Amino acid sequence: MLLLIYLFLLFLLVGVIAKLMGALVNYSKIGVWDFSWAEIVDMLPGVFAYAIPTGVGVWIQSWLKNRKESGQGN
């Protein structure tokens, strides 16, 4: 569960940084600041869509590795 929280926060941080960089480029070119809380809220479904499958995949790989190392995989 903690892995999913960490991945959610990581993907949210990366998304916010990317949106902020895009807003800075937009502001420097045309002088319009286009960054708001609404854009961050709009990112949440995408963050969940990336974080949940990634977290589940990492958990499954870890489980399979532990199973193989303990000899239960035969």
PDB file of N, CA and C in Angstrom:
ATOM      1  N   MET A   1       0.823  -1.194   0.000  1.00  0.00           N
ATOM      2  CA  MET A   1       0.000   0.000   0.000  1.00  0.00           C
ATOM      3  C   MET A   1       0.866   1.257   0.000  1.00  0.00           C
ATOM      4  N   LEU A   2       1.948   1.207   0.773  1.00  0.00           N
ATOM      5  CA  LEU A   2       2.837   2.358   0.836  1.00  0.00           C
ATOM      6  C   LEU A   2       3.493   2.610  -0.520  1.00  0.00           C
ATOM      7  N   LEU A   3       3.778   1.534  -1.251  1.00  0.00           N
ATOM      8  CA  LEU A   3       4.349   1.667  -2.585  1.00  0.00           C
ATOM      9  C   LEU A   3       3.406   2.443  -3.502  1.00  0.00           C
ATOM     10  N   LEU A   4       2.113   2.156  -3.437  1.00  0.00           N
ATOM     11  CA  LEU A   4       1.148   2.867  -4.275  1.00  0.00           C
ATOM     12  C   LEU A   4       1.096   4.347  -3.927  1.00  0.00           C
ATOM     13  N   ILE A   5       1.194   4.664  -2.649  1.00  0.00           N
ATOM     14  CA  ILE A   5       1.187   6.068  -2.227  1.00  0.00           C
ATOM     15  C   ILE A   5       2.428   6.777  -2.753  1.00  0.00           C
ATOM     16  N   TYR A   6       3.583   6.125  -2.620  1.00  0.00           N
ATOM     17  CA  TYR A   6       4.821   6.723  -3.119  1.00  0.00           C
ATOM     18  C   TYR A   6       4.768   6.928  -4.629  1.00  0.00           C
ATOM     19  N   LEU A   7       4.279   5.937  -5.353  1.00  0.00           N
ATOM     20  CA  LEU A   7       4.191   6.065  -6.804  1.00  0.00           C
ATOM     21  C   LEU A   7       3.197   7.147  -7.205  1.00  0.00           C
ATOM     22  N   PHE A   8       2.077   7.225  -6.502  1.00  0.00           N
ATOM     23  CA  PHE A   8       1.096   8.275  -6.777  1.00  0.00           C
ATOM     24  C   PHE A   8       1.736   9.649  -6.605  1.00  0.00           C
ATOM     25  N   LEU A   9       2.442   9.836  -5.493  1.00  0.00           N
ATOM     26  CA  LEU A   9       3.080  11.130  -5.242  1.00  0.00           C
ATOM     27  C   LEU A   9       4.186  11.419  -6.255  1.00  0.00           C
ATOM     28  N   LEU A  10       4.935  10.393  -6.631  1.00  0.00           N
ATOM     29  CA  LEU A  10       5.998  10.580  -7.619  1.00  0.00           C
ATOM     30  C   LEU A  10       5.427  11.007  -8.969  1.00  0.00           C
ATOM     31  N   PHE A  11       4.413  10.300  -9.451  1.00  0.00           N
ATOM     32  CA  PHE A  11       3.826  10.646 -10.739  1.00  0.00           C
ATOM     33  C   PHE A  11       3.126  12.002 -10.683  1.00  0.00           C
ATOM     34  N   LEU A  12       2.511  12.334  -9.550  1.00  0.00           N
ATOM     35  CA  LEU A  12       1.885  13.643  -9.406  1.00  0.00           C
ATOM     36  C   LEU A  12       2.943  14.738  -9.451  1.00  0.00           C
ATOM     37  N   LEU A  13       4.056  14.536  -8.756  1.00  0.00           N
ATOM     38  CA  LEU A  13       5.134  15.523  -8.759  1.00  0.00           C
ATOM     39  C   LEU A  13       5.703  15.718 -10.164  1.00  0.00           C
ATOM     40  N   VAL A  14       5.942  14.629 -10.867  1.00  0.00           N
ATOM     41  CA  VAL A  14       6.465  14.729 -12.232  1.00  0.00           C
ATOM     42  C   VAL A  14       5.466  15.459 -13.132  1.00  0.00           C
ATOM     43  N   GLY A  15       4.190  15.163 -12.986  1.00  0.00           N
ATOM     44  CA  GLY A  15       3.169  15.832 -13.790  1.00  0.00           C
ATOM     45  C   GLY A  15       3.073  17.317 -13.496  1.00  0.00           C
ATOM     46  N   VAL A  16       3.146  17.683 -12.219  1.00  0.00           N
ATOM     47  CA  VAL A  16       3.078  19.097 -11.845  1.00  0.00           C
ATOM     48  C   VAL A  16       4.303  19.840 -12.376  1.00  0.00           C
ATOM     49  N   ILE A  17       5.469  19.230 -12.264  1.00  0.00           N
ATOM     50  CA  ILE A  17       6.685  19.874 -12.784  1.00  0.00           C
ATOM     51  C   ILE A  17       6.587  20.060 -14.296  1.00  0.00           C
ATOM     52  N   ALA A  18       6.082  19.053 -14.994  1.00  0.00           N
ATOM     53  CA  ALA A  18       5.938  19.164 -16.448  1.00  0.00           C
ATOM     54  C   ALA A  18       4.937  20.258 -16.822  1.00  0.00           C
ATOM     55  N   LYS A  19       3.806  20.318 -16.114  1.00  0.00           N
ATOM     56  CA  LYS A  19       2.816  21.371 -16.386  1.00  0.00           C
ATOM     57  C   LYS A  19       3.390  22.748 -16.078  1.00  0.00           C
ATOM     58  N   LEU A  20       4.150  22.853 -14.992  1.00  0.00           N
ATOM     59  CA  LEU A  20       4.761  24.127 -14.619  1.00  0.00           C
ATOM     60  C   LEU A  20       5.779  24.569 -15.672  1.00  0.00           C
ATOM     61  N   MET A  21       6.577  23.634 -16.155  1.00  0.00           N
ATOM     62  CA  MET A  21       7.545  23.977 -17.205  1.00  0.00           C
ATOM     63  C   MET A  21       6.826  24.423 -18.479  1.00  0.00           C
ATOM     64  N   GLY A  22       5.741  23.754 -18.817  1.00  0.00           N
ATOM     65  CA  GLY A  22       4.958  24.166 -19.980  1.00  0.00           C
ATOM     66  C   GLY A  22       4.356  25.546 -19.798  1.00  0.00           C
ATOM     67  N   ALA A  23       3.878  25.837 -18.585  1.00  0.00           N
ATOM     68  CA  ALA A  23       3.318  27.159 -18.307  1.00  0.00           C
ATOM     69  C   ALA A  23       4.395  28.235 -18.384  1.00  0.00           C
ATOM     70  N   LEU A  24       5.602  27.925 -17.919  1.00  0.00           N
ATOM     71  CA  LEU A  24       6.699  28.895 -17.999  1.00  0.00           C
ATOM     72  C   LEU A  24       7.089  29.183 -19.446  1.00  0.00           C
ATOM     73  N   VAL A  25       7.139  28.150 -20.271  1.00  0.00           N
ATOM     74  CA  VAL A  25       7.442  28.355 -21.691  1.00  0.00           C
ATOM     75  C   VAL A  25       6.346  29.186 -22.336  1.00  0.00           C
ATOM     76  N   ASN A  26       5.098  28.874 -22.034  1.00  0.00           N
ATOM     77  CA  ASN A  26       3.969  29.616 -22.572  1.00  0.00           C
ATOM     78  C   ASN A  26       4.028  31.077 -22.138  1.00  0.00           C
ATOM     79  N   TYR A  27       4.360  31.308 -20.877  1.00  0.00           N
ATOM     80  CA  TYR A  27       4.441  32.676 -20.359  1.00  0.00           C
ATOM     81  C   TYR A  27       5.583  33.446 -21.017  1.00  0.00           C
ATOM     82  N   SER A  28       6.710  32.786 -21.230  1.00  0.00           N
ATOM     83  CA  SER A  28       7.848  33.483 -21.837  1.00  0.00           C
ATOM     84  C   SER A  28       7.615  33.794 -23.316  1.00  0.00           C
ATOM     85  N   LYS A  29       6.797  32.986 -23.997  1.00  0.00           N
ATOM     86  CA  LYS A  29       6.574  33.208 -25.431  1.00  0.00           C
ATOM     87  C   LYS A  29       5.427  34.179 -25.705  1.00  0.00           C
ATOM     88  N   ILE A  30       4.294  33.993 -25.009  1.00  0.00           N
ATOM     89  CA  ILE A  30       3.136  34.839 -25.334  1.00  0.00           C
ATOM     90  C   ILE A  30       2.641  35.671 -24.160  1.00  0.00           C
ATOM     91  N   GLY A  31       3.254  35.506 -22.992  1.00  0.00           N
ATOM     92  CA  GLY A  31       2.907  36.356 -21.857  1.00  0.00           C
ATOM     93  C   GLY A  31       1.620  35.980 -21.144  1.00  0.00           C
ATOM     94  N   VAL A  32       1.160  34.747 -21.306  1.00  0.00           N
ATOM     95  CA  VAL A  32      -0.064  34.297 -20.636  1.00  0.00           C
ATOM     96  C   VAL A  32       0.294  33.188 -19.660  1.00  0.00           C
ATOM     97  N   TRP A  33      -0.037  33.402 -18.384  1.00  0.00           N
ATOM     98  CA  TRP A  33       0.230  32.387 -17.361  1.00  0.00           C
ATOM     99  C   TRP A  33      -0.926  31.407 -17.362  1.00  0.00           C
ATOM    100  N   ASP A  34      -0.649  30.167 -17.703  1.00  0.00           N
ATOM    101  CA  ASP A  34      -1.698  29.159 -17.889  1.00  0.00           C
ATOM    102  C   ASP A  34      -1.456  27.973 -16.954  1.00  0.00           C
ATOM    103  N   PHE A  35      -1.467  28.240 -15.652  1.00  0.00           N
ATOM    104  CA  PHE A  35      -1.243  27.184 -14.664  1.00  0.00           C
ATOM    105  C   PHE A  35      -2.162  27.451 -13.486  1.00  0.00           C
ATOM    106  N   SER A  36      -2.979  26.452 -13.130  1.00  0.00           N
ATOM    107  CA  SER A  36      -3.927  26.645 -12.030  1.00  0.00           C
ATOM    108  C   SER A  36      -4.149  25.324 -11.303  1.00  0.00           C
ATOM    109  N   TRP A  37      -4.858  25.419 -10.186  1.00  0.00           N
ATOM    110  CA  TRP A  37      -5.178  24.211  -9.422  1.00  0.00           C
ATOM    111  C   TRP A  37      -6.075  23.276 -10.216  1.00  0.00           C
ATOM    112  N   ALA A  38      -6.882  23.831 -11.101  1.00  0.00           N
ATOM    113  CA  ALA A  38      -7.773  22.994 -11.910  1.00  0.00           C
ATOM    114  C   ALA A  38      -6.969  22.031 -12.788  1.00  0.00           C
ATOM    115  N   GLU A  39      -5.830  22.480 -13.278  1.00  0.00           N
ATOM    116  CA  GLU A  39      -4.998  21.595 -14.097  1.00  0.00           C
ATOM    117  C   GLU A  39      -4.397  20.474 -13.262  1.00  0.00           C
ATOM    118  N   ILE A  40      -4.041  20.773 -12.028  1.00  0.00           N
ATOM    119  CA  ILE A  40      -3.502  19.734 -11.145  1.00  0.00           C
ATOM    120  C   ILE A  40      -4.585  18.707 -10.827  1.00  0.00           C
ATOM    121  N   VAL A  41      -5.792  19.179 -10.560  1.00  0.00           N
ATOM    122  CA  VAL A  41      -6.904  18.266 -10.276  1.00  0.00           C
ATOM    123  C   VAL A  41      -7.227  17.422 -11.506  1.00  0.00           C
ATOM    124  N   ASP A  42      -7.119  18.008 -12.689  1.00  0.00           N
ATOM    125  CA  ASP A  42      -7.377  17.256 -13.924  1.00  0.00           C
ATOM    126  C   ASP A  42      -6.344  16.159 -14.166  1.00  0.00           C
ATOM    127  N   MET A  43      -5.165  16.275 -13.550  1.00  0.00           N
ATOM    128  CA  MET A  43      -4.122  15.256 -13.709  1.00  0.00           C
ATOM    129  C   MET A  43      -4.381  14.017 -12.857  1.00  0.00           C
ATOM    130  N   LEU A  44      -5.201  14.107 -11.832  1.00  0.00           N
ATOM    131  CA  LEU A  44      -5.368  13.009 -10.880  1.00  0.00           C
ATOM    132  C   LEU A  44      -5.810  11.687 -11.512  1.00  0.00           C
ATOM    133  N   PRO A  45      -6.790  11.672 -12.422  1.00  0.00           N
ATOM    134  CA  PRO A  45      -7.134  10.374 -13.034  1.00  0.00           C
ATOM    135  C   PRO A  45      -5.966   9.737 -13.782  1.00  0.00           C
ATOM    136  N   GLY A  46      -5.183  10.543 -14.464  1.00  0.00           N
ATOM    137  CA  GLY A  46      -4.016  10.013 -15.163  1.00  0.00           C
ATOM    138  C   GLY A  46      -2.965   9.488 -14.211  1.00  0.00           C
ATOM    139  N   VAL A  47      -2.794  10.180 -13.094  1.00  0.00           N
ATOM    140  CA  VAL A  47      -1.827   9.733 -12.092  1.00  0.00           C
ATOM    141  C   VAL A  47      -2.252   8.377 -11.540  1.00  0.00           C
ATOM    142  N   PHE A  48      -3.536   8.221 -11.244  1.00  0.00           N
ATOM    143  CA  PHE A  48      -4.028   6.923 -10.778  1.00  0.00           C
ATOM    144  C   PHE A  48      -3.842   5.857 -11.855  1.00  0.00           C
ATOM    145  N   ALA A  49      -4.081   6.225 -13.113  1.00  0.00           N
ATOM    146  CA  ALA A  49      -3.963   5.260 -14.207  1.00  0.00           C
ATOM    147  C   ALA A  49      -2.534   4.759 -14.381  1.00  0.00           C
ATOM    148  N   TYR A  50      -1.552   5.563 -14.028  1.00  0.00           N
ATOM    149  CA  TYR A  50      -0.153   5.122 -14.122  1.00  0.00           C
ATOM    150  C   TYR A  50       0.337   4.488 -12.831  1.00  0.00           C
ATOM    151  N   ALA A  51      -0.044   5.028 -11.690  1.00  0.00           N
ATOM    152  CA  ALA A  51       0.508   4.575 -10.407  1.00  0.00           C
ATOM    153  C   ALA A  51      -0.006   3.186 -10.014  1.00  0.00           C
ATOM    154  N   ILE A  52      -1.275   2.919 -10.211  1.00  0.00           N
ATOM    155  CA  ILE A  52      -1.836   1.640  -9.764  1.00  0.00           C
ATOM    156  C   ILE A  52      -1.255   0.455 -10.546  1.00  0.00           C
ATOM    157  N   PRO A  53      -1.261   0.474 -11.890  1.00  0.00           N
ATOM    158  CA  PRO A  53      -0.654  -0.672 -12.590  1.00  0.00           C
ATOM    159  C   PRO A  53       0.843  -0.818 -12.316  1.00  0.00           C
ATOM    160  N   THR A  54       1.545   0.297 -12.194  1.00  0.00           N
ATOM    161  CA  THR A  54       2.977   0.223 -11.903  1.00  0.00           C
ATOM    162  C   THR A  54       3.215  -0.378 -10.526  1.00  0.00           C
ATOM    163  N   GLY A  55       2.467   0.079  -9.535  1.00  0.00           N
ATOM    164  CA  GLY A  55       2.616  -0.451  -8.179  1.00  0.00           C
ATOM    165  C   GLY A  55       2.272  -1.923  -8.089  1.00  0.00           C
ATOM    166  N   VAL A  56       1.200  -2.321  -8.748  1.00  0.00           N
ATOM    167  CA  VAL A  56       0.807  -3.730  -8.740  1.00  0.00           C
ATOM    168  C   VAL A  56       1.858  -4.576  -9.459  1.00  0.00           C
ATOM    169  N   GLY A  57       2.388  -4.068 -10.567  1.00  0.00           N
ATOM    170  CA  GLY A  57       3.421  -4.800 -11.289  1.00  0.00           C
ATOM    171  C   GLY A  57       4.692  -4.977 -10.473  1.00  0.00           C
ATOM    172  N   VAL A  58       5.110  -3.930  -9.781  1.00  0.00           N
ATOM    173  CA  VAL A  58       6.301  -4.028  -8.927  1.00  0.00           C
ATOM    174  C   VAL A  58       6.050  -5.005  -7.790  1.00  0.00           C
ATOM    175  N   TRP A  59       4.853  -4.968  -7.214  1.00  0.00           N
ATOM    176  CA  TRP A  59       4.521  -5.879  -6.118  1.00  0.00           C
ATOM    177  C   TRP A  59       4.548  -7.333  -6.604  1.00  0.00           C
ATOM    178  N   ILE A  60       3.986  -7.592  -7.777  1.00  0.00           N
ATOM    179  CA  ILE A  60       3.971  -8.960  -8.318  1.00  0.00           C
ATOM    180  C   ILE A  60       5.388  -9.437  -8.608  1.00  0.00           C
ATOM    181  N   GLN A  61       6.213  -8.571  -9.197  1.00  0.00           N
ATOM    182  CA  GLN A  61       7.603  -8.967  -9.461  1.00  0.00           C
ATOM    183  C   GLN A  61       8.350  -9.262  -8.167  1.00  0.00           C
ATOM    184  N   SER A  62       8.129  -8.471  -7.145  1.00  0.00           N
ATOM    185  CA  SER A  62       8.775  -8.707  -5.853  1.00  0.00           C
ATOM    186  C   SER A  62       8.297 -10.024  -5.249  1.00  0.00           C
ATOM    187  N   TRP A  63       7.014 -10.287  -5.349  1.00  0.00           N
ATOM    188  CA  TRP A  63       6.443 -11.522  -4.816  1.00  0.00           C
ATOM    189  C   TRP A  63       7.020 -12.738  -5.545  1.00  0.00           C
ATOM    190  N   LEU A  64       7.113 -12.641  -6.883  1.00  0.00           N
ATOM    191  CA  LEU A  64       7.681 -13.748  -7.657  1.00  0.00           C
ATOM    192  C   LEU A  64       9.155 -13.962  -7.330  1.00  0.00           C
ATOM    193  N   LYS A  65       9.901 -12.886  -7.148  1.00  0.00           N
ATOM    194  CA  LYS A  65      11.321 -13.007  -6.806  1.00  0.00           C
ATOM    195  C   LYS A  65      11.494 -13.666  -5.440  1.00  0.00           C
ATOM    196  N   ASN A  66      10.699 -13.252  -4.457  1.00  0.00           N
ATOM    197  CA  ASN A  66      10.774 -13.864  -3.128  1.00  0.00           C
ATOM    198  C   ASN A  66      10.393 -15.335  -3.178  1.00  0.00           C
ATOM    199  N   ARG A  67       9.409 -15.658  -3.975  1.00  0.00           N
ATOM    200  CA  ARG A  67       8.966 -17.044  -4.112  1.00  0.00           C
ATOM    201  C   ARG A  67      10.048 -17.899  -4.760  1.00  0.00           C
ATOM    202  N   LYS A  68      10.720 -17.349  -5.761  1.00  0.00           N
ATOM    203  CA  LYS A  68      11.790 -18.075  -6.440  1.00  0.00           C
ATOM    204  C   LYS A  68      12.982 -18.281  -5.507  1.00  0.00           C
ATOM    205  N   GLU A  69      13.338 -17.256  -4.732  1.00  0.00           N
ATOM    206  CA  GLU A  69      14.481 -17.360  -3.823  1.00  0.00           C
ATOM    207  C   GLU A  69      14.224 -18.324  -2.675  1.00  0.00           C
ATOM    208  N   SER A  70      12.983 -18.447  -2.249  1.00  0.00           N
ATOM    209  CA  SER A  70      12.685 -19.352  -1.139  1.00  0.00           C
ATOM    210  C   SER A  70      12.498 -20.792  -1.606  1.00  0.00           C
ATOM    211  N   GLY A  71      12.471 -21.033  -2.914  1.00  0.00           N
ATOM    212  CA  GLY A  71      12.372 -22.387  -3.437  1.00  0.00           C
ATOM    213  C   GLY A  71      10.955 -22.883  -3.614  1.00  0.00           C
ATOM    214  N   GLN A  72       9.967 -22.027  -3.498  1.00  0.00           N
ATOM    215  CA  GLN A  72       8.579 -22.447  -3.660  1.00  0.00           C
ATOM    216  C   GLN A  72       8.138 -22.426  -5.116  1.00  0.00           C
ATOM    217  N   GLY A  73       8.989 -21.955  -6.009  1.00  0.00           N
ATOM    218  CA  GLY A  73       8.607 -21.825  -7.408  1.00  0.00           C
ATOM    219  C   GLY A  73       8.714 -23.101  -8.211  1.00  0.00           C
ATOM    220  N   ASN A  74       9.080 -24.217  -7.595  1.00  0.00           N
ATOM    221  CA  ASN A  74       9.268 -25.467  -8.340  1.00  0.00           C
ATOM    222  C   ASN A  74       7.968 -26.092  -8.636  1.00  0.00           C
TER     223      ASN A  74
END
